[in-house]
Protein backbone atom coordinates (compact mmCIF):
# COMPACT_ATOMS: atom_id res chain seq x y z
CA UNK A 1 0.00 0.00 0.00
CA UNK A 2 2.95 2.28 0.70
CA UNK A 3 4.00 2.32 -2.95
CA UNK A 4 0.50 2.00 -4.35
CA UNK A 5 -0.81 5.38 -3.15
CA UNK A 6 1.97 7.46 -4.80
CA UNK A 7 1.39 5.49 -8.01
CA UNK A 8 -2.36 6.18 -7.86
CA UNK A 9 -1.68 9.88 -7.25
CA UNK A 10 0.72 9.95 -10.21
CA UNK A 11 -1.80 8.17 -12.44
CA UNK A 12 -4.58 10.63 -11.58
CA UNK A 13 -2.19 13.54 -12.19
CA UNK A 14 -1.50 12.26 -15.71
CA UNK A 15 -4.96 13.28 -16.92
CA UNK A 16 -4.68 16.34 -19.21
CA UNK A 17 -6.84 18.54 -16.98
CA UNK A 18 -5.97 21.82 -18.66
CA UNK A 19 -6.83 20.63 -22.15
CA UNK A 20 -10.07 18.98 -21.01
CA UNK A 21 -11.08 22.15 -19.19
CA UNK A 22 -10.33 24.29 -22.22
CA UNK A 23 -12.22 21.94 -24.51
CA UNK A 24 -15.30 21.96 -22.26
CA UNK A 25 -15.07 25.75 -22.00
CA UNK A 26 -14.93 26.02 -25.79
CA UNK A 27 -17.77 23.57 -26.43
CA UNK A 28 -20.22 24.63 -23.72
CA UNK A 29 -18.91 27.93 -22.40
CA UNK A 30 -18.74 26.17 -19.04
CA UNK A 31 -16.03 27.11 -16.56
CA UNK A 32 -16.98 24.18 -14.28
CA UNK A 33 -14.11 21.99 -15.47
CA UNK A 34 -11.57 24.62 -14.38
CA UNK A 35 -13.02 24.40 -10.88
CA UNK A 36 -12.99 20.61 -10.96
CA UNK A 37 -9.39 20.69 -12.20
CA UNK A 38 -8.38 23.00 -9.37
CA UNK A 39 -10.14 20.90 -6.73
CA UNK A 40 -8.66 17.61 -7.94
CA UNK A 41 -5.12 18.95 -8.19
CA UNK A 42 -5.38 20.62 -4.77
CA UNK A 43 -6.51 17.34 -3.18
CA UNK A 44 -3.74 15.44 -4.96
CA UNK A 45 -1.10 17.93 -3.87
CA UNK A 46 -2.40 17.79 -0.28
CA UNK A 47 -2.17 13.99 -0.29
CA UNK A 48 1.29 14.20 -1.86
CA UNK A 49 2.39 16.51 0.94
CA UNK A 50 1.04 14.25 3.66
CA UNK A 51 2.72 11.10 2.38
CA UNK A 52 5.81 12.81 0.94
CA UNK A 53 5.09 11.77 -2.63
CA UNK A 54 7.26 14.48 -4.15
CA UNK A 55 8.03 12.58 -7.35
CA UNK A 56 4.34 11.87 -7.98
CA UNK A 57 3.58 15.57 -7.75
CA UNK A 58 6.44 16.67 -9.99
CA UNK A 59 6.24 13.93 -12.61
CA UNK A 60 2.45 14.01 -12.67
CA UNK A 61 2.42 17.75 -13.40
CA UNK A 62 4.99 17.31 -16.16
CA UNK A 63 3.00 14.51 -17.79
CA UNK A 64 -0.29 16.41 -17.42
CA UNK A 65 1.17 19.52 -19.03
CA UNK A 66 2.78 17.46 -21.80
CA UNK A 67 -0.40 15.58 -22.64
CA UNK A 68 -2.44 18.80 -22.60
CA UNK A 69 0.07 20.35 -24.99
CA UNK A 70 0.05 17.21 -27.16
CA UNK A 71 -3.75 17.04 -27.39
CA UNK A 72 -3.89 20.73 -28.22
CA UNK A 73 -1.42 20.16 -31.05
CA UNK A 74 -3.38 17.12 -32.28
CA UNK A 75 -6.56 19.17 -32.37
CA UNK A 76 -5.03 21.40 -35.05
CA UNK A 77 -6.56 24.51 -33.53
CA UNK A 78 -8.76 26.33 -35.99
CA UNK A 79 -9.57 30.01 -36.07
CA UNK A 80 -12.64 29.60 -33.83
CA UNK A 81 -10.57 27.76 -31.19
CA UNK A 82 -7.78 30.34 -31.23
CA UNK A 83 -10.17 33.31 -31.29
CA UNK A 84 -12.13 31.93 -28.34
CA UNK A 85 -9.07 32.11 -26.07
CA UNK A 86 -7.89 35.53 -27.25
CA UNK A 87 -5.94 37.62 -26.28
CA UNK A 88 -3.87 34.46 -25.72
CA UNK A 89 -3.31 31.53 -28.03
CA UNK A 90 -4.39 28.10 -26.88
CA UNK A 91 -0.77 27.17 -26.14
CA UNK A 92 -0.28 30.29 -24.02
CA UNK A 93 -3.53 29.47 -22.23
CA UNK A 94 -2.26 25.97 -21.44
CA UNK A 95 0.99 27.38 -20.06
CA UNK A 96 -0.75 30.06 -17.97
CA UNK A 97 -3.34 27.71 -16.48
CA UNK A 98 -0.69 25.07 -15.77
CA UNK A 99 1.53 27.61 -14.00
CA UNK A 100 -1.37 28.96 -11.94
CA UNK A 101 -2.36 25.41 -10.95
CA UNK A 102 1.25 24.62 -10.05
CA UNK A 103 1.52 27.66 -7.78
CA UNK A 104 -1.71 26.68 -6.03
CA UNK A 105 -0.49 23.11 -5.67
CA UNK A 106 2.83 24.19 -4.18
CA UNK A 107 1.06 26.30 -1.56
CA UNK A 108 -1.22 23.43 -0.58
CA UNK A 109 1.67 20.95 -0.68
CA UNK A 110 3.71 23.13 1.70
CA UNK A 111 0.79 23.42 4.12
CA UNK A 112 0.27 19.65 4.04
CA UNK A 113 3.96 19.02 4.73
CA UNK A 114 3.84 21.34 7.76
CA UNK A 115 0.74 19.58 9.05
CA UNK A 116 2.34 16.16 8.60
CA UNK A 117 5.47 17.29 10.48
CA UNK A 118 3.33 18.64 13.32
CA UNK A 119 1.42 15.34 13.51
CA UNK A 120 4.67 13.33 13.61
CA UNK A 121 6.08 15.56 16.36
CA UNK A 122 2.94 15.08 18.48
CA UNK A 123 3.10 11.33 17.96
CA UNK A 124 6.76 11.25 19.04
CA UNK A 125 6.09 13.35 22.16
CA UNK A 126 3.15 11.25 23.28
CA UNK A 127 5.25 8.05 23.21
C-alpha atoms as a PDB file:
ATOM      1  CA  UNK A   1       0.000   0.000   0.000  1.00  0.00           C
ATOM      2  CA  UNK A   2       2.948   2.283   0.696  1.00  0.00           C
ATOM      3  CA  UNK A   3       4.000   2.324  -2.955  1.00  0.00           C
ATOM      4  CA  UNK A   4       0.503   2.003  -4.350  1.00  0.00           C
ATOM      5  CA  UNK A   5      -0.813   5.377  -3.147  1.00  0.00           C
ATOM      6  CA  UNK A   6       1.973   7.459  -4.799  1.00  0.00           C
ATOM      7  CA  UNK A   7       1.387   5.489  -8.009  1.00  0.00           C
ATOM      8  CA  UNK A   8      -2.359   6.182  -7.859  1.00  0.00           C
ATOM      9  CA  UNK A   9      -1.683   9.879  -7.250  1.00  0.00           C
ATOM     10  CA  UNK A  10       0.718   9.955 -10.206  1.00  0.00           C
ATOM     11  CA  UNK A  11      -1.802   8.172 -12.436  1.00  0.00           C
ATOM     12  CA  UNK A  12      -4.580  10.631 -11.583  1.00  0.00           C
ATOM     13  CA  UNK A  13      -2.193  13.539 -12.187  1.00  0.00           C
ATOM     14  CA  UNK A  14      -1.504  12.257 -15.712  1.00  0.00           C
ATOM     15  CA  UNK A  15      -4.963  13.282 -16.918  1.00  0.00           C
ATOM     16  CA  UNK A  16      -4.678  16.340 -19.213  1.00  0.00           C
ATOM     17  CA  UNK A  17      -6.841  18.538 -16.981  1.00  0.00           C
ATOM     18  CA  UNK A  18      -5.972  21.818 -18.656  1.00  0.00           C
ATOM     19  CA  UNK A  19      -6.825  20.628 -22.150  1.00  0.00           C
ATOM     20  CA  UNK A  20     -10.065  18.984 -21.010  1.00  0.00           C
ATOM     21  CA  UNK A  21     -11.075  22.154 -19.187  1.00  0.00           C
ATOM     22  CA  UNK A  22     -10.334  24.290 -22.222  1.00  0.00           C
ATOM     23  CA  UNK A  23     -12.224  21.942 -24.513  1.00  0.00           C
ATOM     24  CA  UNK A  24     -15.301  21.955 -22.256  1.00  0.00           C
ATOM     25  CA  UNK A  25     -15.071  25.747 -22.000  1.00  0.00           C
ATOM     26  CA  UNK A  26     -14.926  26.022 -25.789  1.00  0.00           C
ATOM     27  CA  UNK A  27     -17.770  23.573 -26.434  1.00  0.00           C
ATOM     28  CA  UNK A  28     -20.222  24.634 -23.724  1.00  0.00           C
ATOM     29  CA  UNK A  29     -18.914  27.934 -22.405  1.00  0.00           C
ATOM     30  CA  UNK A  30     -18.739  26.173 -19.042  1.00  0.00           C
ATOM     31  CA  UNK A  31     -16.033  27.114 -16.556  1.00  0.00           C
ATOM     32  CA  UNK A  32     -16.977  24.185 -14.275  1.00  0.00           C
ATOM     33  CA  UNK A  33     -14.107  21.993 -15.467  1.00  0.00           C
ATOM     34  CA  UNK A  34     -11.573  24.622 -14.384  1.00  0.00           C
ATOM     35  CA  UNK A  35     -13.025  24.403 -10.876  1.00  0.00           C
ATOM     36  CA  UNK A  36     -12.987  20.608 -10.958  1.00  0.00           C
ATOM     37  CA  UNK A  37      -9.391  20.685 -12.198  1.00  0.00           C
ATOM     38  CA  UNK A  38      -8.375  23.002  -9.365  1.00  0.00           C
ATOM     39  CA  UNK A  39     -10.143  20.903  -6.730  1.00  0.00           C
ATOM     40  CA  UNK A  40      -8.660  17.607  -7.939  1.00  0.00           C
ATOM     41  CA  UNK A  41      -5.119  18.954  -8.193  1.00  0.00           C
ATOM     42  CA  UNK A  42      -5.382  20.623  -4.765  1.00  0.00           C
ATOM     43  CA  UNK A  43      -6.513  17.342  -3.178  1.00  0.00           C
ATOM     44  CA  UNK A  44      -3.743  15.440  -4.956  1.00  0.00           C
ATOM     45  CA  UNK A  45      -1.102  17.933  -3.873  1.00  0.00           C
ATOM     46  CA  UNK A  46      -2.402  17.791  -0.280  1.00  0.00           C
ATOM     47  CA  UNK A  47      -2.169  13.987  -0.291  1.00  0.00           C
ATOM     48  CA  UNK A  48       1.286  14.204  -1.863  1.00  0.00           C
ATOM     49  CA  UNK A  49       2.391  16.512   0.938  1.00  0.00           C
ATOM     50  CA  UNK A  50       1.039  14.249   3.659  1.00  0.00           C
ATOM     51  CA  UNK A  51       2.720  11.097   2.378  1.00  0.00           C
ATOM     52  CA  UNK A  52       5.806  12.810   0.941  1.00  0.00           C
ATOM     53  CA  UNK A  53       5.093  11.767  -2.635  1.00  0.00           C
ATOM     54  CA  UNK A  54       7.264  14.481  -4.155  1.00  0.00           C
ATOM     55  CA  UNK A  55       8.029  12.583  -7.347  1.00  0.00           C
ATOM     56  CA  UNK A  56       4.335  11.869  -7.976  1.00  0.00           C
ATOM     57  CA  UNK A  57       3.582  15.570  -7.751  1.00  0.00           C
ATOM     58  CA  UNK A  58       6.443  16.667  -9.992  1.00  0.00           C
ATOM     59  CA  UNK A  59       6.240  13.927 -12.613  1.00  0.00           C
ATOM     60  CA  UNK A  60       2.445  14.011 -12.671  1.00  0.00           C
ATOM     61  CA  UNK A  61       2.423  17.749 -13.397  1.00  0.00           C
ATOM     62  CA  UNK A  62       4.992  17.306 -16.155  1.00  0.00           C
ATOM     63  CA  UNK A  63       2.998  14.507 -17.787  1.00  0.00           C
ATOM     64  CA  UNK A  64      -0.293  16.406 -17.421  1.00  0.00           C
ATOM     65  CA  UNK A  65       1.170  19.519 -19.030  1.00  0.00           C
ATOM     66  CA  UNK A  66       2.778  17.460 -21.803  1.00  0.00           C
ATOM     67  CA  UNK A  67      -0.405  15.581 -22.635  1.00  0.00           C
ATOM     68  CA  UNK A  68      -2.443  18.805 -22.605  1.00  0.00           C
ATOM     69  CA  UNK A  69       0.070  20.355 -24.989  1.00  0.00           C
ATOM     70  CA  UNK A  70       0.055  17.212 -27.158  1.00  0.00           C
ATOM     71  CA  UNK A  71      -3.754  17.036 -27.388  1.00  0.00           C
ATOM     72  CA  UNK A  72      -3.887  20.731 -28.222  1.00  0.00           C
ATOM     73  CA  UNK A  73      -1.416  20.156 -31.052  1.00  0.00           C
ATOM     74  CA  UNK A  74      -3.384  17.122 -32.281  1.00  0.00           C
ATOM     75  CA  UNK A  75      -6.557  19.175 -32.369  1.00  0.00           C
ATOM     76  CA  UNK A  76      -5.027  21.399 -35.045  1.00  0.00           C
ATOM     77  CA  UNK A  77      -6.557  24.512 -33.528  1.00  0.00           C
ATOM     78  CA  UNK A  78      -8.760  26.332 -35.992  1.00  0.00           C
ATOM     79  CA  UNK A  79      -9.568  30.014 -36.070  1.00  0.00           C
ATOM     80  CA  UNK A  80     -12.635  29.601 -33.830  1.00  0.00           C
ATOM     81  CA  UNK A  81     -10.570  27.762 -31.189  1.00  0.00           C
ATOM     82  CA  UNK A  82      -7.783  30.339 -31.231  1.00  0.00           C
ATOM     83  CA  UNK A  83     -10.170  33.306 -31.292  1.00  0.00           C
ATOM     84  CA  UNK A  84     -12.125  31.926 -28.344  1.00  0.00           C
ATOM     85  CA  UNK A  85      -9.073  32.107 -26.072  1.00  0.00           C
ATOM     86  CA  UNK A  86      -7.891  35.526 -27.253  1.00  0.00           C
ATOM     87  CA  UNK A  87      -5.937  37.623 -26.280  1.00  0.00           C
ATOM     88  CA  UNK A  88      -3.873  34.456 -25.719  1.00  0.00           C
ATOM     89  CA  UNK A  89      -3.312  31.535 -28.034  1.00  0.00           C
ATOM     90  CA  UNK A  90      -4.387  28.099 -26.877  1.00  0.00           C
ATOM     91  CA  UNK A  91      -0.770  27.174 -26.145  1.00  0.00           C
ATOM     92  CA  UNK A  92      -0.283  30.293 -24.022  1.00  0.00           C
ATOM     93  CA  UNK A  93      -3.532  29.472 -22.232  1.00  0.00           C
ATOM     94  CA  UNK A  94      -2.258  25.970 -21.436  1.00  0.00           C
ATOM     95  CA  UNK A  95       0.986  27.378 -20.058  1.00  0.00           C
ATOM     96  CA  UNK A  96      -0.754  30.063 -17.969  1.00  0.00           C
ATOM     97  CA  UNK A  97      -3.341  27.707 -16.478  1.00  0.00           C
ATOM     98  CA  UNK A  98      -0.688  25.068 -15.766  1.00  0.00           C
ATOM     99  CA  UNK A  99       1.530  27.608 -14.001  1.00  0.00           C
ATOM    100  CA  UNK A 100      -1.374  28.958 -11.940  1.00  0.00           C
ATOM    101  CA  UNK A 101      -2.360  25.414 -10.951  1.00  0.00           C
ATOM    102  CA  UNK A 102       1.246  24.616 -10.052  1.00  0.00           C
ATOM    103  CA  UNK A 103       1.522  27.664  -7.779  1.00  0.00           C
ATOM    104  CA  UNK A 104      -1.709  26.684  -6.033  1.00  0.00           C
ATOM    105  CA  UNK A 105      -0.492  23.111  -5.665  1.00  0.00           C
ATOM    106  CA  UNK A 106       2.832  24.185  -4.181  1.00  0.00           C
ATOM    107  CA  UNK A 107       1.061  26.299  -1.563  1.00  0.00           C
ATOM    108  CA  UNK A 108      -1.222  23.430  -0.578  1.00  0.00           C
ATOM    109  CA  UNK A 109       1.671  20.949  -0.675  1.00  0.00           C
ATOM    110  CA  UNK A 110       3.705  23.129   1.700  1.00  0.00           C
ATOM    111  CA  UNK A 111       0.788  23.420   4.117  1.00  0.00           C
ATOM    112  CA  UNK A 112       0.266  19.650   4.039  1.00  0.00           C
ATOM    113  CA  UNK A 113       3.956  19.020   4.726  1.00  0.00           C
ATOM    114  CA  UNK A 114       3.837  21.340   7.763  1.00  0.00           C
ATOM    115  CA  UNK A 115       0.739  19.575   9.046  1.00  0.00           C
ATOM    116  CA  UNK A 116       2.343  16.161   8.601  1.00  0.00           C
ATOM    117  CA  UNK A 117       5.468  17.285  10.481  1.00  0.00           C
ATOM    118  CA  UNK A 118       3.327  18.641  13.323  1.00  0.00           C
ATOM    119  CA  UNK A 119       1.422  15.344  13.507  1.00  0.00           C
ATOM    120  CA  UNK A 120       4.665  13.334  13.609  1.00  0.00           C
ATOM    121  CA  UNK A 121       6.079  15.561  16.362  1.00  0.00           C
ATOM    122  CA  UNK A 122       2.940  15.079  18.484  1.00  0.00           C
ATOM    123  CA  UNK A 123       3.104  11.331  17.964  1.00  0.00           C
ATOM    124  CA  UNK A 124       6.756  11.250  19.042  1.00  0.00           C
ATOM    125  CA  UNK A 125       6.092  13.349  22.163  1.00  0.00           C
ATOM    126  CA  UNK A 126       3.145  11.246  23.283  1.00  0.00           C
ATOM    127  CA  UNK A 127       5.247   8.052  23.207  1.00  0.00           C
END
